[in-house]
Amino acid sequence: PVLDWLNELPGLNLVTGNRLRLVVSFALCVLAGLGAEALF
């Protein structure tokens, strides 16, 4: 509810917001790299 308004921005309101899961997935992968760097 607090962030769903992002899907109504121009351009984003014509696409499927569900597929922003790609962005979420990539962010998690980058954070995993940062976590691995901390381990090393």
Full PDB file with SEQRES, HELIX, SHEET, SSBOND, CRYST1, ORIGX, SCALE, CONECT and MASTER records, all heavy atoms in Angstrom:
SEQRES   1 A   40  PRO VAL LEU ASP TRP LEU ASN GLU LEU PRO GLY LEU ASN          
SEQRES   2 A   40  LEU VAL THR GLY ASN ARG LEU ARG LEU VAL VAL SER PHE          
SEQRES   3 A   40  ALA LEU CYS VAL LEU ALA GLY LEU GLY ALA GLU ALA LEU          
SEQRES   4 A   40  PHE                                                          
HELIX    1 AA1 ASP A    4  GLU A    8  5                                   5    
HELIX    2 AA2 LEU A   12  LEU A   14  5                                   3    
HELIX    3 AA3 GLY A   17  LEU A   20  5                                   4    
HELIX    4 AA4 ARG A   21  LEU A   39  1                                  19    
CRYST1    1.000    1.000    1.000  90.00  90.00  90.00 P 1           1          
ORIGX1      1.000000  0.000000  0.000000        0.00000                         
ORIGX2      0.000000  1.000000  0.000000        0.00000                         
ORIGX3      0.000000  0.000000  1.000000        0.00000                         
SCALE1      1.000000  0.000000  0.000000        0.00000                         
SCALE2      0.000000  1.000000  0.000000        0.00000                         
SCALE3      0.000000  0.000000  1.000000        0.00000                         
ATOM      1  N   PRO A   1       0.801  -1.232   0.000  1.00  0.00           N  
ATOM      2  CA  PRO A   1       0.000   0.000   0.000  1.00  0.00           C  
ATOM      3  C   PRO A   1       0.833   1.280   0.000  1.00  0.00           C  
ATOM      4  O   PRO A   1       0.491   2.240  -0.682  1.00  0.00           O  
ATOM      5  CB  PRO A   1      -0.829  -0.130   1.278  1.00  0.00           C  
ATOM      6  CG  PRO A   1      -0.948  -1.597   1.508  1.00  0.00           C  
ATOM      7  CD  PRO A   1       0.359  -2.181   1.051  1.00  0.00           C  
ATOM      8  N   VAL A   2       1.922   1.319   0.739  1.00  0.00           N  
ATOM      9  CA  VAL A   2       2.696   2.552   0.853  1.00  0.00           C  
ATOM     10  C   VAL A   2       3.471   2.855  -0.422  1.00  0.00           C  
ATOM     11  O   VAL A   2       3.731   4.022  -0.737  1.00  0.00           O  
ATOM     12  CB  VAL A   2       3.665   2.464   2.057  1.00  0.00           C  
ATOM     13  CG1 VAL A   2       4.521   3.716   2.168  1.00  0.00           C  
ATOM     14  CG2 VAL A   2       2.877   2.245   3.352  1.00  0.00           C  
ATOM     15  N   LEU A   3       3.825   1.807  -1.200  1.00  0.00           N  
ATOM     16  CA  LEU A   3       4.704   1.997  -2.354  1.00  0.00           C  
ATOM     17  C   LEU A   3       4.053   1.658  -3.688  1.00  0.00           C  
ATOM     18  O   LEU A   3       4.684   1.827  -4.733  1.00  0.00           O  
ATOM     19  CB  LEU A   3       5.977   1.148  -2.180  1.00  0.00           C  
ATOM     20  CG  LEU A   3       6.868   1.532  -0.995  1.00  0.00           C  
ATOM     21  CD1 LEU A   3       8.004   0.536  -0.847  1.00  0.00           C  
ATOM     22  CD2 LEU A   3       7.423   2.938  -1.183  1.00  0.00           C  
ATOM     23  N   ASP A   4       2.813   1.200  -3.685  1.00  0.00           N  
ATOM     24  CA  ASP A   4       2.162   0.810  -4.936  1.00  0.00           C  
ATOM     25  C   ASP A   4       1.960   1.999  -5.875  1.00  0.00           C  
ATOM     26  O   ASP A   4       1.780   1.816  -7.079  1.00  0.00           O  
ATOM     27  CB  ASP A   4       0.822   0.134  -4.626  1.00  0.00           C  
ATOM     28  CG  ASP A   4       0.231  -0.570  -5.837  1.00  0.00           C  
ATOM     29  OD1 ASP A   4       1.011  -1.073  -6.669  1.00  0.00           O  
ATOM     30  OD2 ASP A   4      -1.006  -0.598  -5.962  1.00  0.00           O  
ATOM     31  N   TRP A   5       2.003   3.204  -5.330  1.00  0.00           N  
ATOM     32  CA  TRP A   5       1.824   4.395  -6.174  1.00  0.00           C  
ATOM     33  C   TRP A   5       2.917   4.511  -7.228  1.00  0.00           C  
ATOM     34  O   TRP A   5       2.728   5.168  -8.262  1.00  0.00           O  
ATOM     35  CB  TRP A   5       1.788   5.663  -5.321  1.00  0.00           C  
ATOM     36  CG  TRP A   5       3.057   5.901  -4.554  1.00  0.00           C  
ATOM     37  CD1 TRP A   5       3.341   5.479  -3.298  1.00  0.00           C  
ATOM     38  CD2 TRP A   5       4.210   6.621  -5.007  1.00  0.00           C  
ATOM     39  NE1 TRP A   5       4.599   5.868  -2.920  1.00  0.00           N  
ATOM     40  CE2 TRP A   5       5.160   6.579  -3.957  1.00  0.00           C  
ATOM     41  CE3 TRP A   5       4.551   7.285  -6.183  1.00  0.00           C  
ATOM     42  CZ2 TRP A   5       6.415   7.168  -4.064  1.00  0.00           C  
ATOM     43  CZ3 TRP A   5       5.797   7.875  -6.295  1.00  0.00           C  
ATOM     44  CH2 TRP A   5       6.716   7.821  -5.242  1.00  0.00           C  
ATOM     45  N   LEU A   6       4.081   3.864  -6.995  1.00  0.00           N  
ATOM     46  CA  LEU A   6       5.153   3.899  -7.996  1.00  0.00           C  
ATOM     47  C   LEU A   6       4.687   3.306  -9.321  1.00  0.00           C  
ATOM     48  O   LEU A   6       5.146   3.723 -10.394  1.00  0.00           O  
ATOM     49  CB  LEU A   6       6.373   3.134  -7.482  1.00  0.00           C  
ATOM     50  CG  LEU A   6       7.151   3.778  -6.332  1.00  0.00           C  
ATOM     51  CD1 LEU A   6       8.168   2.798  -5.765  1.00  0.00           C  
ATOM     52  CD2 LEU A   6       7.846   5.051  -6.807  1.00  0.00           C  
ATOM     53  N   ASN A   7       3.770   2.352  -9.263  1.00  0.00           N  
ATOM     54  CA  ASN A   7       3.270   1.726 -10.486  1.00  0.00           C  
ATOM     55  C   ASN A   7       2.354   2.638 -11.286  1.00  0.00           C  
ATOM     56  O   ASN A   7       1.974   2.297 -12.409  1.00  0.00           O  
ATOM     57  CB  ASN A   7       2.518   0.433 -10.139  1.00  0.00           C  
ATOM     58  CG  ASN A   7       3.440  -0.644  -9.608  1.00  0.00           C  
ATOM     59  OD1 ASN A   7       4.438  -0.979 -10.229  1.00  0.00           O  
ATOM     60  ND2 ASN A   7       3.101  -1.187  -8.441  1.00  0.00           N  
ATOM     61  N   GLU A   8       1.985   3.776 -10.723  1.00  0.00           N  
ATOM     62  CA  GLU A   8       1.123   4.729 -11.433  1.00  0.00           C  
ATOM     63  C   GLU A   8       1.909   5.877 -12.048  1.00  0.00           C  
ATOM     64  O   GLU A   8       1.319   6.795 -12.633  1.00  0.00           O  
ATOM     65  CB  GLU A   8       0.063   5.288 -10.472  1.00  0.00           C  
ATOM     66  CG  GLU A   8      -0.865   4.226  -9.899  1.00  0.00           C  
ATOM     67  CD  GLU A   8      -1.574   3.439 -10.981  1.00  0.00           C  
ATOM     68  OE1 GLU A   8      -1.986   4.047 -11.989  1.00  0.00           O  
ATOM     69  OE2 GLU A   8      -1.699   2.206 -10.822  1.00  0.00           O  
ATOM     70  N   LEU A   9       3.240   5.841 -11.931  1.00  0.00           N  
ATOM     71  CA  LEU A   9       4.050   6.868 -12.569  1.00  0.00           C  
ATOM     72  C   LEU A   9       3.972   6.721 -14.087  1.00  0.00           C  
ATOM     73  O   LEU A   9       3.742   5.621 -14.604  1.00  0.00           O  
ATOM     74  CB  LEU A   9       5.501   6.756 -12.106  1.00  0.00           C  
ATOM     75  CG  LEU A   9       5.770   7.071 -10.622  1.00  0.00           C  
ATOM     76  CD1 LEU A   9       7.229   6.808 -10.273  1.00  0.00           C  
ATOM     77  CD2 LEU A   9       5.395   8.517 -10.304  1.00  0.00           C  
ATOM     78  N   PRO A  10       4.138   7.823 -14.839  1.00  0.00           N  
ATOM     79  CA  PRO A  10       4.081   7.733 -16.311  1.00  0.00           C  
ATOM     80  C   PRO A  10       5.042   6.678 -16.846  1.00  0.00           C  
ATOM     81  O   PRO A  10       6.205   6.631 -16.454  1.00  0.00           O  
ATOM     82  CB  PRO A  10       4.494   9.147 -16.751  1.00  0.00           C  
ATOM     83  CG  PRO A  10       4.118  10.025 -15.599  1.00  0.00           C  
ATOM     84  CD  PRO A  10       4.360   9.206 -14.364  1.00  0.00           C  
ATOM     85  N   GLY A  11       4.561   5.842 -17.732  1.00  0.00           N  
ATOM     86  CA  GLY A  11       5.361   4.744 -18.263  1.00  0.00           C  
ATOM     87  C   GLY A  11       5.149   3.479 -17.469  1.00  0.00           C  
ATOM     88  O   GLY A  11       4.769   2.439 -18.014  1.00  0.00           O  
ATOM     89  N   LEU A  12       5.365   3.557 -16.167  1.00  0.00           N  
ATOM     90  CA  LEU A  12       5.152   2.379 -15.318  1.00  0.00           C  
ATOM     91  C   LEU A  12       3.684   1.992 -15.236  1.00  0.00           C  
ATOM     92  O   LEU A  12       3.357   0.838 -14.950  1.00  0.00           O  
ATOM     93  CB  LEU A  12       5.704   2.630 -13.913  1.00  0.00           C  
ATOM     94  CG  LEU A  12       7.222   2.718 -13.779  1.00  0.00           C  
ATOM     95  CD1 LEU A  12       7.603   3.068 -12.355  1.00  0.00           C  
ATOM     96  CD2 LEU A  12       7.884   1.419 -14.193  1.00  0.00           C  
ATOM     97  N   ASN A  13       2.785   2.969 -15.483  1.00  0.00           N  
ATOM     98  CA  ASN A  13       1.354   2.647 -15.394  1.00  0.00           C  
ATOM     99  C   ASN A  13       0.852   1.861 -16.605  1.00  0.00           C  
ATOM    100  O   ASN A  13      -0.306   1.448 -16.638  1.00  0.00           O  
ATOM    101  CB  ASN A  13       0.531   3.932 -15.218  1.00  0.00           C  
ATOM    102  CG  ASN A  13       0.733   4.914 -16.361  1.00  0.00           C  
ATOM    103  OD1 ASN A  13       1.493   4.672 -17.297  1.00  0.00           O  
ATOM    104  ND2 ASN A  13       0.069   6.048 -16.277  1.00  0.00           N  
ATOM    105  N   LEU A  14       1.719   1.636 -17.595  1.00  0.00           N  
ATOM    106  CA  LEU A  14       1.336   0.851 -18.762  1.00  0.00           C  
ATOM    107  C   LEU A  14       1.985  -0.530 -18.766  1.00  0.00           C  
ATOM    108  O   LEU A  14       1.756  -1.312 -19.695  1.00  0.00           O  
ATOM    109  CB  LEU A  14       1.713   1.594 -20.057  1.00  0.00           C  
ATOM    110  CG  LEU A  14       0.955   2.911 -20.317  1.00  0.00           C  
ATOM    111  CD1 LEU A  14       1.491   3.573 -21.578  1.00  0.00           C  
ATOM    112  CD2 LEU A  14      -0.539   2.653 -20.458  1.00  0.00           C  
ATOM    113  N   VAL A  15       2.802  -0.819 -17.768  1.00  0.00           N  
ATOM    114  CA  VAL A  15       3.487  -2.107 -17.721  1.00  0.00           C  
ATOM    115  C   VAL A  15       2.999  -2.900 -16.510  1.00  0.00           C  
ATOM    116  O   VAL A  15       2.283  -2.382 -15.658  1.00  0.00           O  
ATOM    117  CB  VAL A  15       5.022  -1.928 -17.664  1.00  0.00           C  
ATOM    118  CG1 VAL A  15       5.504  -1.105 -18.836  1.00  0.00           C  
ATOM    119  CG2 VAL A  15       5.464  -1.271 -16.356  1.00  0.00           C  
ATOM    120  N   THR A  16       3.401  -4.157 -16.457  1.00  0.00           N  
ATOM    121  CA  THR A  16       2.974  -5.036 -15.372  1.00  0.00           C  
ATOM    122  C   THR A  16       3.913  -4.869 -14.186  1.00  0.00           C  
ATOM    123  O   THR A  16       5.086  -5.246 -14.265  1.00  0.00           O  
ATOM    124  CB  THR A  16       2.972  -6.506 -15.843  1.00  0.00           C  
ATOM    125  OG1 THR A  16       2.150  -6.617 -17.003  1.00  0.00           O  
ATOM    126  CG2 THR A  16       2.442  -7.417 -14.752  1.00  0.00           C  
ATOM    127  N   GLY A  17       3.395  -4.315 -13.101  1.00  0.00           N  
ATOM    128  CA  GLY A  17       4.234  -4.063 -11.939  1.00  0.00           C  
ATOM    129  C   GLY A  17       4.822  -5.322 -11.339  1.00  0.00           C  
ATOM    130  O   GLY A  17       5.905  -5.287 -10.738  1.00  0.00           O  
ATOM    131  N   ASN A  18       4.147  -6.471 -11.533  1.00  0.00           N  
ATOM    132  CA  ASN A  18       4.660  -7.728 -10.990  1.00  0.00           C  
ATOM    133  C   ASN A  18       6.078  -8.008 -11.468  1.00  0.00           C  
ATOM    134  O   ASN A  18       6.882  -8.611 -10.754  1.00  0.00           O  
ATOM    135  CB  ASN A  18       3.786  -8.913 -11.415  1.00  0.00           C  
ATOM    136  CG  ASN A  18       2.317  -8.688 -11.154  1.00  0.00           C  
ATOM    137  OD1 ASN A  18       1.938  -7.830 -10.373  1.00  0.00           O  
ATOM    138  ND2 ASN A  18       1.470  -9.464 -11.808  1.00  0.00           N  
ATOM    139  N   ARG A  19       6.382  -7.592 -12.700  1.00  0.00           N  
ATOM    140  CA  ARG A  19       7.666  -7.944 -13.304  1.00  0.00           C  
ATOM    141  C   ARG A  19       8.824  -7.111 -12.783  1.00  0.00           C  
ATOM    142  O   ARG A  19       9.965  -7.307 -13.202  1.00  0.00           O  
ATOM    143  CB  ARG A  19       7.560  -7.841 -14.826  1.00  0.00           C  
ATOM    144  CG  ARG A  19       6.644  -8.927 -15.392  1.00  0.00           C  
ATOM    145  CD  ARG A  19       6.443  -8.809 -16.875  1.00  0.00           C  
ATOM    146  NE  ARG A  19       5.567  -9.871 -17.354  1.00  0.00           N  
ATOM    147  CZ  ARG A  19       5.038  -9.891 -18.575  1.00  0.00           C  
ATOM    148  NH1 ARG A  19       5.283  -8.900 -19.427  1.00  0.00           N  
ATOM    149  NH2 ARG A  19       4.262 -10.894 -18.948  1.00  0.00           N  
ATOM    150  N   LEU A  20       8.521  -6.193 -11.881  1.00  0.00           N  
ATOM    151  CA  LEU A  20       9.617  -5.534 -11.170  1.00  0.00           C  
ATOM    152  C   LEU A  20      10.343  -6.518 -10.260  1.00  0.00           C  
ATOM    153  O   LEU A  20      11.334  -6.171  -9.629  1.00  0.00           O  
ATOM    154  CB  LEU A  20       9.089  -4.357 -10.356  1.00  0.00           C  
ATOM    155  CG  LEU A  20       8.780  -3.087 -11.154  1.00  0.00           C  
ATOM    156  CD1 LEU A  20       8.025  -2.084 -10.294  1.00  0.00           C  
ATOM    157  CD2 LEU A  20      10.064  -2.470 -11.684  1.00  0.00           C  
ATOM    158  N   ARG A  21       9.860  -7.754 -10.214  1.00  0.00           N  
ATOM    159  CA  ARG A  21      10.586  -8.803  -9.509  1.00  0.00           C  
ATOM    160  C   ARG A  21      11.985  -8.977 -10.089  1.00  0.00           C  
ATOM    161  O   ARG A  21      12.910  -9.415  -9.392  1.00  0.00           O  
ATOM    162  CB  ARG A  21       9.811 -10.120  -9.591  1.00  0.00           C  
ATOM    163  CG  ARG A  21       8.623 -10.188  -8.629  1.00  0.00           C  
ATOM    164  CD  ARG A  21       7.739 -11.382  -8.957  1.00  0.00           C  
ATOM    165  NE  ARG A  21       6.804 -11.693  -7.886  1.00  0.00           N  
ATOM    166  CZ  ARG A  21       5.695 -11.028  -7.631  1.00  0.00           C  
ATOM    167  NH1 ARG A  21       5.380  -9.982  -8.377  1.00  0.00           N  
ATOM    168  NH2 ARG A  21       4.894 -11.401  -6.642  1.00  0.00           N  
ATOM    169  N   LEU A  22      12.167  -8.678 -11.366  1.00  0.00           N  
ATOM    170  CA  LEU A  22      13.512  -8.693 -11.951  1.00  0.00           C  
ATOM    171  C   LEU A  22      14.425  -7.746 -11.201  1.00  0.00           C  
ATOM    172  O   LEU A  22      15.571  -8.088 -10.860  1.00  0.00           O  
ATOM    173  CB  LEU A  22      13.438  -8.292 -13.433  1.00  0.00           C  
ATOM    174  CG  LEU A  22      14.764  -7.883 -14.086  1.00  0.00           C  
ATOM    175  CD1 LEU A  22      15.733  -9.055 -14.129  1.00  0.00           C  
ATOM    176  CD2 LEU A  22      14.533  -7.307 -15.471  1.00  0.00           C  
ATOM    177  N   VAL A  23      13.943  -6.538 -10.929  1.00  0.00           N  
ATOM    178  CA  VAL A  23      14.728  -5.533 -10.216  1.00  0.00           C  
ATOM    179  C   VAL A  23      15.033  -6.008  -8.797  1.00  0.00           C  
ATOM    180  O   VAL A  23      16.160  -5.871  -8.303  1.00  0.00           O  
ATOM    181  CB  VAL A  23      13.979  -4.191 -10.207  1.00  0.00           C  
ATOM    182  CG1 VAL A  23      14.693  -3.169  -9.344  1.00  0.00           C  
ATOM    183  CG2 VAL A  23      13.805  -3.668 -11.636  1.00  0.00           C  
ATOM    184  N   VAL A  24      14.029  -6.590  -8.145  1.00  0.00           N  
ATOM    185  CA  VAL A  24      14.227  -7.112  -6.795  1.00  0.00           C  
ATOM    186  C   VAL A  24      15.279  -8.212  -6.801  1.00  0.00           C  
ATOM    187  O   VAL A  24      16.179  -8.251  -5.954  1.00  0.00           O  
ATOM    188  CB  VAL A  24      12.900  -7.639  -6.219  1.00  0.00           C  
ATOM    189  CG1 VAL A  24      13.111  -8.263  -4.851  1.00  0.00           C  
ATOM    190  CG2 VAL A  24      11.871  -6.520  -6.143  1.00  0.00           C  
ATOM    191  N   SER A  25      15.183  -9.117  -7.779  1.00  0.00           N  
ATOM    192  CA  SER A  25      16.138 -10.222  -7.878  1.00  0.00           C  
ATOM    193  C   SER A  25      17.562  -9.698  -8.068  1.00  0.00           C  
ATOM    194  O   SER A  25      18.499 -10.175  -7.415  1.00  0.00           O  
ATOM    195  CB  SER A  25      15.765 -11.136  -9.046  1.00  0.00           C  
ATOM    196  OG  SER A  25      14.482 -11.701  -8.871  1.00  0.00           O  
ATOM    197  N   PHE A  26      17.709  -8.723  -8.943  1.00  0.00           N  
ATOM    198  CA  PHE A  26      19.059  -8.207  -9.205  1.00  0.00           C  
ATOM    199  C   PHE A  26      19.615  -7.491  -7.980  1.00  0.00           C  
ATOM    200  O   PHE A  26      20.805  -7.622  -7.657  1.00  0.00           O  
ATOM    201  CB  PHE A  26      19.045  -7.261 -10.406  1.00  0.00           C  
ATOM    202  CG  PHE A  26      20.425  -6.824 -10.825  1.00  0.00           C  
ATOM    203  CD1 PHE A  26      21.292  -7.716 -11.420  1.00  0.00           C  
ATOM    204  CD2 PHE A  26      20.850  -5.523 -10.606  1.00  0.00           C  
ATOM    205  CE1 PHE A  26      22.572  -7.320 -11.799  1.00  0.00           C  
ATOM    206  CE2 PHE A  26      22.125  -5.123 -10.970  1.00  0.00           C  
ATOM    207  CZ  PHE A  26      22.981  -6.025 -11.575  1.00  0.00           C  
ATOM    208  N   ALA A  27      18.775  -6.744  -7.279  1.00  0.00           N  
ATOM    209  CA  ALA A  27      19.224  -6.068  -6.060  1.00  0.00           C  
ATOM    210  C   ALA A  27      19.706  -7.083  -5.024  1.00  0.00           C  
ATOM    211  O   ALA A  27      20.737  -6.878  -4.359  1.00  0.00           O  
ATOM    212  CB  ALA A  27      18.104  -5.205  -5.486  1.00  0.00           C  
ATOM    213  N   LEU A  28      19.003  -8.198  -4.887  1.00  0.00           N  
ATOM    214  CA  LEU A  28      19.418  -9.237  -3.949  1.00  0.00           C  
ATOM    215  C   LEU A  28      20.749  -9.854  -4.370  1.00  0.00           C  
ATOM    216  O   LEU A  28      21.595 -10.169  -3.521  1.00  0.00           O  
ATOM    217  CB  LEU A  28      18.343 -10.321  -3.852  1.00  0.00           C  
ATOM    218  CG  LEU A  28      17.058  -9.932  -3.123  1.00  0.00           C  
ATOM    219  CD1 LEU A  28      16.002 -11.020  -3.287  1.00  0.00           C  
ATOM    220  CD2 LEU A  28      17.332  -9.689  -1.639  1.00  0.00           C  
ATOM    221  N   CYS A  29      20.950 -10.025  -5.674  1.00  0.00           N  
ATOM    222  CA  CYS A  29      22.215 -10.586  -6.155  1.00  0.00           C  
ATOM    223  C   CYS A  29      23.383  -9.648  -5.853  1.00  0.00           C  
ATOM    224  O   CYS A  29      24.471 -10.101  -5.464  1.00  0.00           O  
ATOM    225  CB  CYS A  29      22.129 -10.861  -7.654  1.00  0.00           C  
ATOM    226  SG  CYS A  29      20.975 -12.178  -8.099  1.00  0.00           S  
ATOM    227  N   VAL A  30      23.172  -8.345  -6.044  1.00  0.00           N  
ATOM    228  CA  VAL A  30      24.239  -7.389  -5.735  1.00  0.00           C  
ATOM    229  C   VAL A  30      24.528  -7.383  -4.238  1.00  0.00           C  
ATOM    230  O   VAL A  30      25.693  -7.362  -3.807  1.00  0.00           O  
ATOM    231  CB  VAL A  30      23.865  -5.978  -6.227  1.00  0.00           C  
ATOM    232  CG1 VAL A  30      24.962  -4.982  -5.850  1.00  0.00           C  
ATOM    233  CG2 VAL A  30      23.650  -5.973  -7.732  1.00  0.00           C  
ATOM    234  N   LEU A  31      23.489  -7.394  -3.428  1.00  0.00           N  
ATOM    235  CA  LEU A  31      23.693  -7.447  -1.974  1.00  0.00           C  
ATOM    236  C   LEU A  31      24.399  -8.732  -1.571  1.00  0.00           C  
ATOM    237  O   LEU A  31      25.201  -8.745  -0.626  1.00  0.00           O  
ATOM    238  CB  LEU A  31      22.354  -7.322  -1.259  1.00  0.00           C  
ATOM    239  CG  LEU A  31      21.703  -5.931  -1.306  1.00  0.00           C  
ATOM    240  CD1 LEU A  31      20.286  -5.985  -0.741  1.00  0.00           C  
ATOM    241  CD2 LEU A  31      22.545  -4.912  -0.536  1.00  0.00           C  
ATOM    242  N   ALA A  32      24.136  -9.828  -2.285  1.00  0.00           N  
ATOM    243  CA  ALA A  32      24.849 -11.076  -2.012  1.00  0.00           C  
ATOM    244  C   ALA A  32      26.337 -10.913  -2.309  1.00  0.00           C  
ATOM    245  O   ALA A  32      27.188 -11.426  -1.573  1.00  0.00           O  
ATOM    246  CB  ALA A  32      24.268 -12.214  -2.843  1.00  0.00           C  
ATOM    247  N   GLY A  33      26.651 -10.196  -3.375  1.00  0.00           N  
ATOM    248  CA  GLY A  33      28.056  -9.925  -3.665  1.00  0.00           C  
ATOM    249  C   GLY A  33      28.706  -9.110  -2.559  1.00  0.00           C  
ATOM    250  O   GLY A  33      29.852  -9.365  -2.168  1.00  0.00           O  
ATOM    251  N   LEU A  34      27.955  -8.136  -2.039  1.00  0.00           N  
ATOM    252  CA  LEU A  34      28.472  -7.329  -0.930  1.00  0.00           C  
ATOM    253  C   LEU A  34      28.665  -8.195   0.309  1.00  0.00           C  
ATOM    254  O   LEU A  34      29.659  -8.061   1.031  1.00  0.00           O  
ATOM    255  CB  LEU A  34      27.503  -6.185  -0.638  1.00  0.00           C  
ATOM    256  CG  LEU A  34      27.869  -5.254   0.524  1.00  0.00           C  
ATOM    257  CD1 LEU A  34      29.209  -4.570   0.269  1.00  0.00           C  
ATOM    258  CD2 LEU A  34      26.769  -4.214   0.726  1.00  0.00           C  
ATOM    259  N   GLY A  35      27.725  -9.107   0.563  1.00  0.00           N  
ATOM    260  CA  GLY A  35      27.878 -10.003   1.699  1.00  0.00           C  
ATOM    261  C   GLY A  35      29.064 -10.920   1.541  1.00  0.00           C  
ATOM    262  O   GLY A  35      29.810 -11.180   2.505  1.00  0.00           O  
ATOM    263  N   ALA A  36      29.287 -11.434   0.328  1.00  0.00           N  
ATOM    264  CA  ALA A  36      30.456 -12.277   0.080  1.00  0.00           C  
ATOM    265  C   ALA A  36      31.745 -11.489   0.267  1.00  0.00           C  
ATOM    266  O   ALA A  36      32.735 -11.996   0.802  1.00  0.00           O  
ATOM    267  CB  ALA A  36      30.380 -12.848  -1.337  1.00  0.00           C  
ATOM    268  N   GLU A  37      31.741 -10.242  -0.163  1.00  0.00           N  
ATOM    269  CA  GLU A  37      32.924  -9.391   0.020  1.00  0.00           C  
ATOM    270  C   GLU A  37      33.231  -9.217   1.503  1.00  0.00           C  
ATOM    271  O   GLU A  37      34.407  -9.219   1.910  1.00  0.00           O  
ATOM    272  CB  GLU A  37      32.687  -8.034  -0.647  1.00  0.00           C  
ATOM    273  CG  GLU A  37      33.810  -7.022  -0.472  1.00  0.00           C  
ATOM    274  CD  GLU A  37      35.095  -7.420  -1.168  1.00  0.00           C  
ATOM    275  OE1 GLU A  37      35.070  -8.335  -2.019  1.00  0.00           O  
ATOM    276  OE2 GLU A  37      36.139  -6.818  -0.858  1.00  0.00           O  
ATOM    277  N   ALA A  38      32.185  -9.087   2.325  1.00  0.00           N  
ATOM    278  CA  ALA A  38      32.409  -8.972   3.769  1.00  0.00           C  
ATOM    279  C   ALA A  38      33.033 -10.243   4.324  1.00  0.00           C  
ATOM    280  O   ALA A  38      33.907 -10.196   5.200  1.00  0.00           O  
ATOM    281  CB  ALA A  38      31.080  -8.678   4.471  1.00  0.00           C  
ATOM    282  N   LEU A  39      32.616 -11.390   3.786  1.00  0.00           N  
ATOM    283  CA  LEU A  39      33.178 -12.653   4.259  1.00  0.00           C  
ATOM    284  C   LEU A  39      34.646 -12.793   3.885  1.00  0.00           C  
ATOM    285  O   LEU A  39      35.435 -13.388   4.618  1.00  0.00           O  
ATOM    286  CB  LEU A  39      32.389 -13.831   3.679  1.00  0.00           C  
ATOM    287  CG  LEU A  39      30.975 -14.049   4.210  1.00  0.00           C  
ATOM    288  CD1 LEU A  39      30.314 -15.197   3.473  1.00  0.00           C  
ATOM    289  CD2 LEU A  39      31.003 -14.340   5.696  1.00  0.00           C  
ATOM    290  N   PHE A  40      34.989 -12.251   2.722  1.00  0.00           N  
ATOM    291  CA  PHE A  40      36.358 -12.379   2.248  1.00  0.00           C  
ATOM    292  C   PHE A  40      37.265 -11.237   2.708  1.00  0.00           C  
ATOM    293  O   PHE A  40      38.432 -11.168   2.320  1.00  0.00           O  
ATOM    294  CB  PHE A  40      36.372 -12.437   0.711  1.00  0.00           C  
ATOM    295  CG  PHE A  40      35.629 -13.611   0.149  1.00  0.00           C  
ATOM    296  CD1 PHE A  40      34.721 -13.452  -0.891  1.00  0.00           C  
ATOM    297  CD2 PHE A  40      35.830 -14.875   0.668  1.00  0.00           C  
ATOM    298  CE1 PHE A  40      34.027 -14.535  -1.405  1.00  0.00           C  
ATOM    299  CE2 PHE A  40      35.144 -15.971   0.156  1.00  0.00           C  
ATOM    300  CZ  PHE A  40      34.241 -15.798  -0.889  1.00  0.00           C  
TER     301      PHE A  40                                                      
MASTER        0    0    0    4    0    0    0    6  300    1    0    4          
END                                                                             
